[in-house]
PDB file of N, CA and C in Angstrom:
ATOM      1  N   MET A   1     -17.562  90.554 179.348  1.00  0.00           N
ATOM      2  CA  MET A   1     -17.039  89.200 179.347  1.00  0.00           C
ATOM      3  C   MET A   1     -16.583  88.800 180.752  1.00  0.00           C
ATOM      4  N   LEU A   2     -16.050  89.749 181.475  1.00  0.00           N
ATOM      5  CA  LEU A   2     -15.582  89.470 182.829  1.00  0.00           C
ATOM      6  C   LEU A   2     -16.732  89.052 183.744  1.00  0.00           C
ATOM      7  N   ILE A   3     -17.854  89.747 183.626  1.00  0.00           N
ATOM      8  CA  ILE A   3     -19.020  89.410 184.461  1.00  0.00           C
ATOM      9  C   ILE A   3     -19.507  87.997 184.163  1.00  0.00           C
ATOM     10  N   SER A   4     -19.518  87.608 182.887  1.00  0.00           N
ATOM     11  CA  SER A   4     -19.992  86.263 182.543  1.00  0.00           C
ATOM     12  C   SER A   4     -19.061  85.185 183.082  1.00  0.00           C
ATOM     13  N   VAL A   5     -17.770  85.414 183.023  1.00  0.00           N
ATOM     14  CA  VAL A   5     -16.805  84.441 183.564  1.00  0.00           C
ATOM     15  C   VAL A   5     -16.946  84.353 185.084  1.00  0.00           C
ATOM     16  N   LEU A   6     -17.095  85.491 185.748  1.00  0.00           N
ATOM     17  CA  LEU A   6     -17.274  85.480 187.206  1.00  0.00           C
ATOM     18  C   LEU A   6     -18.569  84.780 187.600  1.00  0.00           C
ATOM     19  N   LEU A   7     -19.628  84.977 186.827  1.00  0.00           N
ATOM     20  CA  LEU A   7     -20.893  84.301 187.105  1.00  0.00           C
ATOM     21  C   LEU A   7     -20.751  82.790 186.984  1.00  0.00           C
ATOM     22  N   ILE A   8     -20.035  82.344 185.979  1.00  0.00           N
ATOM     23  CA  ILE A   8     -19.809  80.907 185.796  1.00  0.00           C
ATOM     24  C   ILE A   8     -18.991  80.336 186.952  1.00  0.00           C
ATOM     25  N   VAL A   9     -17.922  81.028 187.334  1.00  0.00           N
ATOM     26  CA  VAL A   9     -17.045  80.547 188.412  1.00  0.00           C
ATOM     27  C   VAL A   9     -17.800  80.472 189.737  1.00  0.00           C
ATOM     28  N   VAL A  10     -18.567  81.509 190.054  1.00  0.00           N
ATOM     29  CA  VAL A  10     -19.304  81.529 191.323  1.00  0.00           C
ATOM     30  C   VAL A  10     -20.373  80.443 191.342  1.00  0.00           C
ATOM     31  N   THR A  11     -21.029  80.214 190.207  1.00  0.00           N
ATOM     32  CA  THR A  11     -22.066  79.187 190.147  1.00  0.00           C
ATOM     33  C   THR A  11     -21.473  77.795 190.315  1.00  0.00           C
ATOM     34  N   ILE A  12     -20.350  77.542 189.681  1.00  0.00           N
ATOM     35  CA  ILE A  12     -19.716  76.224 189.780  1.00  0.00           C
ATOM     36  C   ILE A  12     -19.126  75.987 191.164  1.00  0.00           C
ATOM     37  N   ALA A  13     -18.699  77.049 191.841  1.00  0.00           N
ATOM     38  CA  ALA A  13     -18.072  76.905 193.156  1.00  0.00           C
ATOM     39  C   ALA A  13     -19.072  76.530 194.246  1.00  0.00           C
ATOM     40  N   GLN A  14     -20.353  76.735 193.993  1.00  0.00           N
ATOM     41  CA  GLN A  14     -21.357  76.403 195.006  1.00  0.00           C
ATOM     42  C   GLN A  14     -21.520  74.893 195.126  1.00  0.00           C
ATOM     43  N   GLU A  15     -21.844  74.468 196.340  1.00  0.00           N
ATOM     44  CA  GLU A  15     -22.076  73.044 196.563  1.00  0.00           C
ATOM     45  C   GLU A  15     -23.493  72.689 196.138  1.00  0.00           C
ATOM     46  N   SER A  16     -23.660  71.489 195.653  1.00  0.00           N
ATOM     47  CA  SER A  16     -24.956  71.024 195.178  1.00  0.00           C
ATOM     48  C   SER A  16     -25.917  70.869 196.343  1.00  0.00           C
ATOM     49  N   LYS A  17     -27.162  71.266 196.126  1.00  0.00           N
ATOM     50  CA  LYS A  17     -28.177  71.129 197.155  1.00  0.00           C
ATOM     51  C   LYS A  17     -28.987  69.853 196.967  1.00  0.00           C
ATOM     52  N   GLN A  18     -28.710  69.107 195.917  1.00  0.00           N
ATOM     53  CA  GLN A  18     -29.395  67.848 195.658  1.00  0.00           C
ATOM     54  C   GLN A  18     -28.408  66.707 195.846  1.00  0.00           C
ATOM     55  N   PRO A  19     -28.884  65.567 196.317  1.00  0.00           N
ATOM     56  CA  PRO A  19     -27.970  64.468 196.599  1.00  0.00           C
ATOM     57  C   PRO A  19     -27.313  63.855 195.363  1.00  0.00           C
ATOM     58  N   GLY A  20     -27.921  63.957 194.198  1.00  0.00           N
ATOM     59  CA  GLY A  20     -27.309  63.423 192.989  1.00  0.00           C
ATOM     60  C   GLY A  20     -27.613  61.961 192.760  1.00  0.00           C
ATOM     61  N   MET A  21     -26.903  61.351 191.808  1.00  0.00           N
ATOM     62  CA  MET A  21     -27.160  59.963 191.418  1.00  0.00           C
ATOM     63  C   MET A  21     -26.711  58.960 192.476  1.00  0.00           C
ATOM     64  N   GLY A  22     -25.727  59.302 193.276  1.00  0.00           N
ATOM     65  CA  GLY A  22     -25.217  58.365 194.273  1.00  0.00           C
ATOM     66  C   GLY A  22     -26.228  57.998 195.334  1.00  0.00           C
ATOM     67  N   SER A  23     -27.177  58.885 195.594  1.00  0.00           N
ATOM     68  CA  SER A  23     -28.159  58.604 196.636  1.00  0.00           C
ATOM     69  C   SER A  23     -29.137  57.509 196.230  1.00  0.00           C
ATOM     70  N   SER A  24     -29.357  57.323 194.942  1.00  0.00           N
ATOM     71  CA  SER A  24     -30.291  56.288 194.512  1.00  0.00           C
ATOM     72  C   SER A  24     -29.709  54.889 194.707  1.00  0.00           C
ATOM     73  N   ILE A  25     -28.407  54.799 194.804  1.00  0.00           N
ATOM     74  CA  ILE A  25     -27.747  53.512 194.988  1.00  0.00           C
ATOM     75  C   ILE A  25     -27.504  53.233 196.471  1.00  0.00           C
ATOM     76  N   GLY A  26     -27.611  54.249 197.294  1.00  0.00           N
ATOM     77  CA  GLY A  26     -27.411  54.050 198.721  1.00  0.00           C
ATOM     78  C   GLY A  26     -26.291  54.899 199.270  1.00  0.00           C
ATOM     79  N   GLY A  27     -25.714  55.740 198.462  1.00  0.00           N
ATOM     80  CA  GLY A  27     -24.625  56.584 198.936  1.00  0.00           C
ATOM     81  C   GLY A  27     -25.087  57.871 199.578  1.00  0.00           C
ATOM     82  N   GLY A  28     -26.371  58.159 199.541  1.00  0.00           N
ATOM     83  CA  GLY A  28     -26.881  59.420 200.080  1.00  0.00           C
ATOM     84  C   GLY A  28     -27.372  59.288 201.494  1.00  0.00           C
ATOM     85  N   THR A  29     -26.486  59.094 202.450  1.00  0.00           N
ATOM     86  CA  THR A  29     -26.893  58.933 203.837  1.00  0.00           C
ATOM     87  C   THR A  29     -26.918  60.243 204.589  1.00  0.00           C
ATOM     88  N   GLN A  30     -26.486  61.315 203.947  1.00  0.00           N
ATOM     89  CA  GLN A  30     -26.481  62.610 204.616  1.00  0.00           C
ATOM     90  C   GLN A  30     -27.889  63.171 204.630  1.00  0.00           C
ATOM     91  N   ALA A  31     -28.272  63.718 205.742  1.00  0.00           N
ATOM     92  CA  ALA A  31     -29.597  64.335 205.850  1.00  0.00           C
ATOM     93  C   ALA A  31     -29.525  65.743 205.285  1.00  0.00           C
ATOM     94  N   MET A  32     -30.459  66.047 204.413  1.00  0.00           N
ATOM     95  CA  MET A  32     -30.498  67.375 203.830  1.00  0.00           C
ATOM     96  C   MET A  32     -31.351  68.258 204.734  1.00  0.00           C
ATOM     97  N   ALA A  33     -30.730  69.207 205.407  1.00  0.00           N
ATOM     98  CA  ALA A  33     -31.458  70.106 206.294  1.00  0.00           C
ATOM     99  C   ALA A  33     -31.828  71.358 205.520  1.00  0.00           C
ATOM    100  N   GLY A  34     -33.082  71.712 205.559  1.00  0.00           N
ATOM    101  CA  GLY A  34     -33.534  72.918 204.872  1.00  0.00           C
ATOM    102  C   GLY A  34     -33.138  74.153 205.652  1.00  0.00           C
ATOM    103  N   GLY A  35     -33.322  75.300 205.054  1.00  0.00           N
ATOM    104  CA  GLY A  35     -33.016  76.547 205.736  1.00  0.00           C
ATOM    105  C   GLY A  35     -32.043  77.378 204.937  1.00  0.00           C
ATOM    106  N   LYS A  36     -31.526  78.385 205.591  1.00  0.00           N
ATOM    107  CA  LYS A  36     -30.626  79.313 204.919  1.00  0.00           C
ATOM    108  C   LYS A  36     -29.223  78.732 204.794  1.00  0.00           C
ATOM    109  N   ALA A  37     -28.554  79.130 203.715  1.00  0.00           N
ATOM    110  CA  ALA A  37     -27.168  78.724 203.536  1.00  0.00           C
ATOM    111  C   ALA A  37     -26.293  79.543 204.483  1.00  0.00           C
ATOM    112  N   ARG A  38     -25.217  78.951 204.930  1.00  0.00           N
ATOM    113  CA  ARG A  38     -24.321  79.638 205.855  1.00  0.00           C
ATOM    114  C   ARG A  38     -22.903  79.623 205.331  1.00  0.00           C
ATOM    115  N   GLY A  39     -22.132  80.593 205.773  1.00  0.00           N
ATOM    116  CA  GLY A  39     -20.716  80.636 205.449  1.00  0.00           C
ATOM    117  C   GLY A  39     -20.446  80.887 203.985  1.00  0.00           C
ATOM    118  N   LYS A  40     -19.616  80.034 203.422  1.00  0.00           N
ATOM    119  CA  LYS A  40     -19.187  80.180 202.035  1.00  0.00           C
ATOM    120  C   LYS A  40     -20.350  80.108 201.061  1.00  0.00           C
ATOM    121  N   ASP A  41     -21.291  79.224 201.312  1.00  0.00           N
ATOM    122  CA  ASP A  41     -22.438  79.076 200.414  1.00  0.00           C
ATOM    123  C   ASP A  41     -23.302  80.332 200.387  1.00  0.00           C
ATOM    124  N   ALA A  42     -23.458  80.998 201.526  1.00  0.00           N
ATOM    125  CA  ALA A  42     -24.257  82.225 201.584  1.00  0.00           C
ATOM    126  C   ALA A  42     -23.594  83.335 200.775  1.00  0.00           C
ATOM    127  N   VAL A  43     -22.291  83.449 200.914  1.00  0.00           N
ATOM    128  CA  VAL A  43     -21.558  84.476 200.170  1.00  0.00           C
ATOM    129  C   VAL A  43     -21.619  84.196 198.671  1.00  0.00           C
ATOM    130  N   LEU A  44     -21.424  82.945 198.284  1.00  0.00           N
ATOM    131  CA  LEU A  44     -21.482  82.588 196.869  1.00  0.00           C
ATOM    132  C   LEU A  44     -22.874  82.798 196.299  1.00  0.00           C
ATOM    133  N   ALA A  45     -23.904  82.532 197.090  1.00  0.00           N
ATOM    134  CA  ALA A  45     -25.270  82.746 196.624  1.00  0.00           C
ATOM    135  C   ALA A  45     -25.539  84.231 196.389  1.00  0.00           C
ATOM    136  N   LYS A  46     -25.039  85.082 197.278  1.00  0.00           N
ATOM    137  CA  LYS A  46     -25.207  86.526 197.093  1.00  0.00           C
ATOM    138  C   LYS A  46     -24.466  87.016 195.860  1.00  0.00           C
ATOM    139  N   PHE A  47     -23.242  86.534 195.658  1.00  0.00           N
ATOM    140  CA  PHE A  47     -22.485  86.934 194.476  1.00  0.00           C
ATOM    141  C   PHE A  47     -23.137  86.434 193.192  1.00  0.00           C
ATOM    142  N   THR A  48     -23.771  85.259 193.250  1.00  0.00           N
ATOM    143  CA  THR A  48     -24.465  84.738 192.075  1.00  0.00           C
ATOM    144  C   THR A  48     -25.608  85.664 191.683  1.00  0.00           C
ATOM    145  N   VAL A  49     -26.366  86.122 192.664  1.00  0.00           N
ATOM    146  CA  VAL A  49     -27.466  87.045 192.386  1.00  0.00           C
ATOM    147  C   VAL A  49     -26.938  88.365 191.837  1.00  0.00           C
ATOM    148  N   ILE A  50     -25.893  88.898 192.454  1.00  0.00           N
ATOM    149  CA  ILE A  50     -25.328  90.180 192.017  1.00  0.00           C
ATOM    150  C   ILE A  50     -24.780  90.080 190.598  1.00  0.00           C
ATOM    151  N   PHE A  51     -23.992  89.040 190.318  1.00  0.00           N
ATOM    152  CA  PHE A  51     -23.427  88.886 188.979  1.00  0.00           C
ATOM    153  C   PHE A  51     -24.508  88.580 187.944  1.00  0.00           C
ATOM    154  N   GLY A  52     -25.550  87.844 188.338  1.00  0.00           N
ATOM    155  CA  GLY A  52     -26.647  87.558 187.426  1.00  0.00           C
ATOM    156  C   GLY A  52     -27.396  88.818 187.029  1.00  0.00           C
ATOM    157  N   ILE A  53     -27.680  89.671 187.999  1.00  0.00           N
ATOM    158  CA  ILE A  53     -28.359  90.931 187.708  1.00  0.00           C
ATOM    159  C   ILE A  53     -27.471  91.832 186.859  1.00  0.00           C
ATOM    160  N   ALA A  54     -26.187  91.913 187.197  1.00  0.00           N
ATOM    161  CA  ALA A  54     -25.259  92.739 186.412  1.00  0.00           C
ATOM    162  C   ALA A  54     -25.165  92.231 184.975  1.00  0.00           C
ATOM    163  N   PHE A  55     -25.142  90.916 184.798  1.00  0.00           N
ATOM    164  CA  PHE A  55     -25.077  90.335 183.457  1.00  0.00           C
ATOM    165  C   PHE A  55     -26.323  90.674 182.648  1.00  0.00           C
ATOM    166  N   ALA A  56     -27.493  90.558 183.272  1.00  0.00           N
ATOM    167  CA  ALA A  56     -28.748  90.861 182.581  1.00  0.00           C
ATOM    168  C   ALA A  56     -28.821  92.336 182.195  1.00  0.00           C
ATOM    169  N   VAL A  57     -28.447  93.217 183.112  1.00  0.00           N
ATOM    170  CA  VAL A  57     -28.481  94.658 182.827  1.00  0.00           C
ATOM    171  C   VAL A  57     -27.496  95.013 181.713  1.00  0.00           C
ATOM    172  N   LEU A  58     -26.297  94.445 181.766  1.00  0.00           N
ATOM    173  CA  LEU A  58     -25.319  94.720 180.706  1.00  0.00           C
ATOM    174  C   LEU A  58     -25.780  94.211 179.352  1.00  0.00           C
ATOM    175  N   CYS A  59     -26.429  93.058 179.325  1.00  0.00           N
ATOM    176  CA  CYS A  59     -26.950  92.529 178.056  1.00  0.00           C
ATOM    177  C   CYS A  59     -28.017  93.448 177.478  1.00  0.00           C
ATOM    178  N   ILE A  60     -28.904  93.941 178.331  1.00  0.00           N
ATOM    179  CA  ILE A  60     -29.950  94.842 177.861  1.00  0.00           C
ATOM    180  C   ILE A  60     -29.349  96.160 177.372  1.00  0.00           C
ATOM    181  N   LEU A  61     -28.416  96.714 178.129  1.00  0.00           N
ATOM    182  CA  LEU A  61     -27.789  97.977 177.726  1.00  0.00           C
ATOM    183  C   LEU A  61     -26.996  97.836 176.433  1.00  0.00           C
ATOM    184  N   LEU A  62     -26.221  96.779 176.324  1.00  0.00           N
ATOM    185  CA  LEU A  62     -25.454  96.574 175.097  1.00  0.00           C
ATOM    186  C   LEU A  62     -26.362  96.349 173.898  1.00  0.00           C
ATOM    187  N   GLY A  63     -27.444  95.617 174.095  1.00  0.00           N
ATOM    188  CA  GLY A  63     -28.408  95.417 173.018  1.00  0.00           C
ATOM    189  C   GLY A  63     -29.059  96.717 172.596  1.00  0.00           C
ATOM    190  N   ARG A  64     -29.358  97.557 173.565  1.00  0.00           N
ATOM    191  CA  ARG A  64     -29.973  98.853 173.270  1.00  0.00           C
ATOM    192  C   ARG A  64     -29.005  99.758 172.513  1.00  0.00           C
ATOM    193  N   PHE A  65     -27.757  99.805 172.929  1.00  0.00           N
ATOM    194  CA  PHE A  65     -26.767 100.651 172.267  1.00  0.00           C
ATOM    195  C   PHE A  65     -26.402 100.161 170.870  1.00  0.00           C
ATOM    196  N   MET A  66     -26.504  98.864 170.681  1.00  0.00           N
ATOM    197  CA  MET A  66     -26.174  98.301 169.366  1.00  0.00           C
ATOM    198  C   MET A  66     -27.403  98.219 168.466  1.00  0.00           C
ATOM    199  N   ASN A  67     -28.576  98.633 168.980  1.00  0.00           N
ATOM    200  CA  ASN A  67     -29.824  98.634 168.232  1.00  0.00           C
ATOM    201  C   ASN A  67     -30.149  97.258 167.655  1.00  0.00           C
ATOM    202  N   THR A  68     -30.006  96.224 168.465  1.00  0.00           N
ATOM    203  CA  THR A  68     -30.283  94.887 167.976  1.00  0.00           C
ATOM    204  C   THR A  68     -31.674  94.403 168.349  1.00  0.00           C
ATOM    205  N   PHE A  69     -32.430  95.198 169.112  1.00  0.00           N
ATOM    206  CA  PHE A  69     -33.800  94.791 169.413  1.00  0.00           C
ATOM    207  C   PHE A  69     -34.719  95.968 169.435  1.00  0.00           C
TER     208      PHE A  69
END
């Protein structure tokens, strides 16, 4: 349960890479530069991958031990 909560928190903490609905009205004047994420976003992206893999492995292991598949 802890891994799932951490995965949710890390995913929500990341900044959106899409301009959203405001850009269609004219609020999206920021230029979206492609490339690698830096700083906080890079760390959050790495933690998202780590927690995602840990969540998937735990789900498979728990399913195997509980004989549900």
